[in-house]
Amino acid sequence: MDYTNHNENGGQLSSLIHHQKNDLQKLLYAGFGSRFLAYSIDLIVIWSVNTIVTRPLLRLVNLEDAQAWVPMFSAANITTSIIFFAYFILMTKFFRATLGKMILGLSVVSLKGETLSNGQIIFRECIGRYISMAILGIPYLVVAFTRRHQGIHDLFADTSVMKNKFSKLNDTIEQQPQSI
């Protein structure tokens, strides 16, 4: 492909960006490794909250061993699940990133527009995560193979996780005309 026949200012760069858009986006979005590390940090945060706050409170109100029908519906499991999903939903809603993502300079972005909608957040952080976890976390591996490093939960919500330092570059790439 010849990129040298453009006379307008920035034409060569614009043409190069257009032709390399998919490859560039693979660099701009957070890959499996950084997302896995952020998720691991988040799990440590959630485990800490459960260990320091939830379990002592359950012990205090004598609900530590309470369960309905089966152990899966124990007070400890239910409160742990509520904290897990609430953490991801609230952090994404208010900060567009969990603590793990913040530490690594990542944030959740909408691929539809500027701000994340409540529906996108709920689908991504609740429904999508639940489905991914129910299948032993295997759907998270999809992140390694998609163009914008999207997991199944991202595909449901039309979101992805971007490296913050490249957000302006991605906006520029997205604004490039489709045909040059």
Protein backbone atom coordinates (compact mmCIF):
# COMPACT_ATOMS: atom_id res chain seq x y z
CA MET A 1 0.00 0.00 0.00
CA ASP A 2 1.44 3.37 -1.00
CA TYR A 3 1.01 6.01 1.71
CA THR A 4 3.03 8.72 -0.08
CA ASN A 5 0.51 9.97 -2.64
CA HIS A 6 -1.48 12.21 -0.26
CA ASN A 7 -0.90 15.93 -0.62
CA GLU A 8 -3.15 17.26 2.14
CA ASN A 9 -1.65 18.17 5.48
CA GLY A 10 -1.50 15.01 7.57
CA GLY A 11 -2.71 12.87 4.70
CA GLN A 12 0.01 10.27 5.07
CA LEU A 13 -0.61 9.88 8.78
CA SER A 14 -4.36 9.77 8.26
CA SER A 15 -4.02 7.07 5.63
CA LEU A 16 -1.65 5.06 7.82
CA ILE A 17 -4.05 5.30 10.78
CA HIS A 18 -6.95 4.22 8.58
CA HIS A 19 -5.10 1.17 7.28
CA GLN A 20 -3.65 0.17 10.66
CA LYS A 21 -6.76 0.93 12.76
CA ASN A 22 -7.34 -2.64 13.95
CA ASP A 23 -3.70 -3.15 14.88
CA LEU A 24 -3.58 0.20 16.70
CA GLN A 25 -6.70 -0.58 18.68
CA LYS A 26 -5.19 -3.83 19.91
CA LEU A 27 -2.46 -1.69 21.49
CA LEU A 28 -4.81 0.96 22.93
CA TYR A 29 -7.15 -1.41 24.75
CA ALA A 30 -6.05 -3.33 27.83
CA GLY A 31 -5.12 -6.93 27.09
CA PHE A 32 -5.69 -10.11 29.04
CA GLY A 33 -2.62 -9.77 31.29
CA SER A 34 -3.31 -6.28 32.61
CA ARG A 35 -7.02 -7.00 32.99
CA PHE A 36 -6.28 -10.23 34.88
CA LEU A 37 -3.90 -8.38 37.21
CA ALA A 38 -6.53 -5.65 37.83
CA TYR A 39 -9.17 -8.31 38.53
CA SER A 40 -6.80 -10.06 40.96
CA ILE A 41 -6.30 -6.79 42.84
CA ASP A 42 -10.07 -6.31 42.94
CA LEU A 43 -10.56 -9.80 44.36
CA ILE A 44 -8.05 -8.99 47.12
CA VAL A 45 -10.00 -5.80 47.92
CA ILE A 46 -13.31 -7.70 48.04
CA TRP A 47 -11.79 -10.49 50.14
CA SER A 48 -10.43 -7.87 52.55
CA VAL A 49 -13.81 -6.17 52.94
CA ASN A 50 -15.48 -9.52 53.56
CA THR A 51 -12.84 -10.58 56.07
CA ILE A 52 -12.64 -7.28 57.98
CA VAL A 53 -16.29 -6.15 57.84
CA THR A 54 -18.79 -8.76 56.68
CA ARG A 55 -17.75 -11.85 58.60
CA PRO A 56 -17.39 -10.06 61.95
CA LEU A 57 -20.82 -8.44 61.43
CA LEU A 58 -22.40 -11.79 60.66
CA ARG A 59 -20.76 -13.23 63.76
CA LEU A 60 -22.00 -10.28 65.82
CA VAL A 61 -25.64 -10.79 64.80
CA ASN A 62 -25.28 -14.58 65.07
CA LEU A 63 -25.86 -15.27 61.35
CA GLU A 64 -22.44 -16.76 60.66
CA ASP A 65 -23.81 -20.29 60.20
CA ALA A 66 -27.28 -19.35 58.94
CA GLN A 67 -28.35 -20.90 55.67
CA ALA A 68 -31.52 -21.44 53.68
CA TRP A 69 -32.02 -24.96 52.25
CA VAL A 70 -28.45 -25.53 51.09
CA PRO A 71 -25.03 -24.14 52.07
CA MET A 72 -24.91 -22.17 48.82
CA PHE A 73 -27.62 -19.92 50.25
CA SER A 74 -25.79 -19.19 53.49
CA ALA A 75 -25.73 -15.68 54.92
CA ALA A 76 -21.98 -15.52 54.30
CA ASN A 77 -22.31 -16.50 50.61
CA ILE A 78 -25.18 -14.12 49.99
CA THR A 79 -23.44 -11.12 51.59
CA THR A 80 -20.18 -11.98 49.80
CA SER A 81 -22.02 -12.04 46.46
CA ILE A 82 -23.78 -8.75 47.18
CA ILE A 83 -20.47 -7.09 48.04
CA PHE A 84 -18.80 -8.58 44.93
CA PHE A 85 -21.42 -7.30 42.49
CA ALA A 86 -21.98 -4.00 44.32
CA TYR A 87 -18.24 -3.29 44.25
CA PHE A 88 -17.98 -3.73 40.47
CA ILE A 89 -21.25 -1.93 39.70
CA LEU A 90 -20.63 1.09 41.96
CA MET A 91 -16.95 1.53 41.12
CA THR A 92 -17.67 1.35 37.39
CA LYS A 93 -20.63 3.72 37.69
CA PHE A 94 -18.86 6.42 39.69
CA PHE A 95 -15.22 6.07 38.59
CA ARG A 96 -15.35 4.04 35.34
CA ALA A 97 -12.76 1.82 36.99
CA THR A 98 -12.29 -0.45 39.97
CA LEU A 99 -9.32 -0.03 42.30
CA GLY A 100 -7.37 -2.62 40.31
CA LYS A 101 -8.00 -0.78 37.05
CA MET A 102 -7.14 2.57 38.67
CA ILE A 103 -3.80 1.23 39.88
CA LEU A 104 -2.96 0.01 36.36
CA GLY A 105 -4.24 3.16 34.59
CA LEU A 106 -7.23 1.50 32.93
CA SER A 107 -10.88 2.46 32.62
CA VAL A 108 -14.09 1.01 31.24
CA VAL A 109 -15.31 2.79 28.11
CA SER A 110 -18.52 2.59 26.13
CA LEU A 111 -18.12 1.70 22.49
CA LYS A 112 -21.49 3.35 21.76
CA GLY A 113 -20.84 6.87 22.97
CA GLU A 114 -19.25 9.09 25.56
CA THR A 115 -20.60 7.90 28.91
CA LEU A 116 -21.50 4.50 30.25
CA SER A 117 -25.24 4.03 30.65
CA ASN A 118 -26.75 2.34 33.69
CA GLY A 119 -27.90 -0.49 31.43
CA GLN A 120 -24.36 -1.05 30.13
CA ILE A 121 -23.01 -1.08 33.67
CA ILE A 122 -25.61 -3.57 34.92
CA PHE A 123 -25.18 -5.86 31.91
CA ARG A 124 -21.38 -5.73 32.11
CA GLU A 125 -20.83 -5.93 35.84
CA CYS A 126 -23.74 -8.09 36.93
CA ILE A 127 -25.23 -10.23 34.19
CA GLY A 128 -22.09 -10.61 32.08
CA ARG A 129 -19.84 -11.37 35.05
CA TYR A 130 -22.33 -13.85 36.47
CA ILE A 131 -22.48 -15.74 33.16
CA SER A 132 -18.68 -15.68 32.82
CA MET A 133 -18.17 -16.94 36.36
CA ALA A 134 -20.86 -19.61 36.02
CA ILE A 135 -18.83 -21.19 33.21
CA LEU A 136 -15.68 -21.38 35.38
CA GLY A 137 -14.32 -18.06 34.08
CA ILE A 138 -13.51 -19.52 30.66
CA PRO A 139 -15.34 -16.69 28.80
CA TYR A 140 -12.80 -14.24 30.26
CA LEU A 141 -10.22 -15.81 27.91
CA VAL A 142 -12.06 -14.22 24.96
CA VAL A 143 -10.26 -10.99 25.96
CA ALA A 144 -7.04 -12.36 24.50
CA PHE A 145 -8.53 -12.91 21.05
CA THR A 146 -10.85 -9.99 20.25
CA ARG A 147 -9.81 -6.82 18.43
CA ARG A 148 -10.59 -4.46 21.31
CA HIS A 149 -9.76 -7.08 23.95
CA GLN A 150 -13.40 -7.48 24.93
CA GLY A 151 -14.60 -10.21 27.26
CA ILE A 152 -18.03 -11.79 26.98
CA HIS A 153 -19.30 -9.32 29.58
CA ASP A 154 -17.94 -6.46 27.43
CA LEU A 155 -19.59 -7.84 24.30
CA PHE A 156 -22.95 -7.97 26.11
CA ALA A 157 -22.64 -4.33 27.16
CA ASP A 158 -20.76 -2.92 24.14
CA THR A 159 -17.85 -1.82 26.35
CA SER A 160 -14.13 -2.45 26.67
CA VAL A 161 -11.25 -1.52 28.96
CA MET A 162 -8.85 1.10 27.64
CA LYS A 163 -5.42 2.21 28.72
CA ASN A 164 -6.05 5.76 29.99
CA LYS A 165 -2.89 7.17 28.41
CA PHE A 166 -4.26 6.31 24.95
CA SER A 167 -7.82 7.60 25.26
CA LYS A 168 -7.20 10.76 23.21
CA LEU A 169 -5.39 8.80 20.51
CA ASN A 170 -8.32 6.37 20.32
CA ASP A 171 -10.77 9.27 19.99
CA THR A 172 -8.70 10.57 17.06
CA ILE A 173 -8.62 7.14 15.42
CA GLU A 174 -12.38 6.72 15.83
CA GLN A 175 -12.98 10.13 14.19
CA GLN A 176 -11.00 9.18 11.08
CA PRO A 177 -13.20 8.89 7.99
CA GLN A 178 -13.82 5.32 6.85
CA SER A 179 -12.52 5.92 3.34
CA ILE A 180 -9.53 8.07 2.49
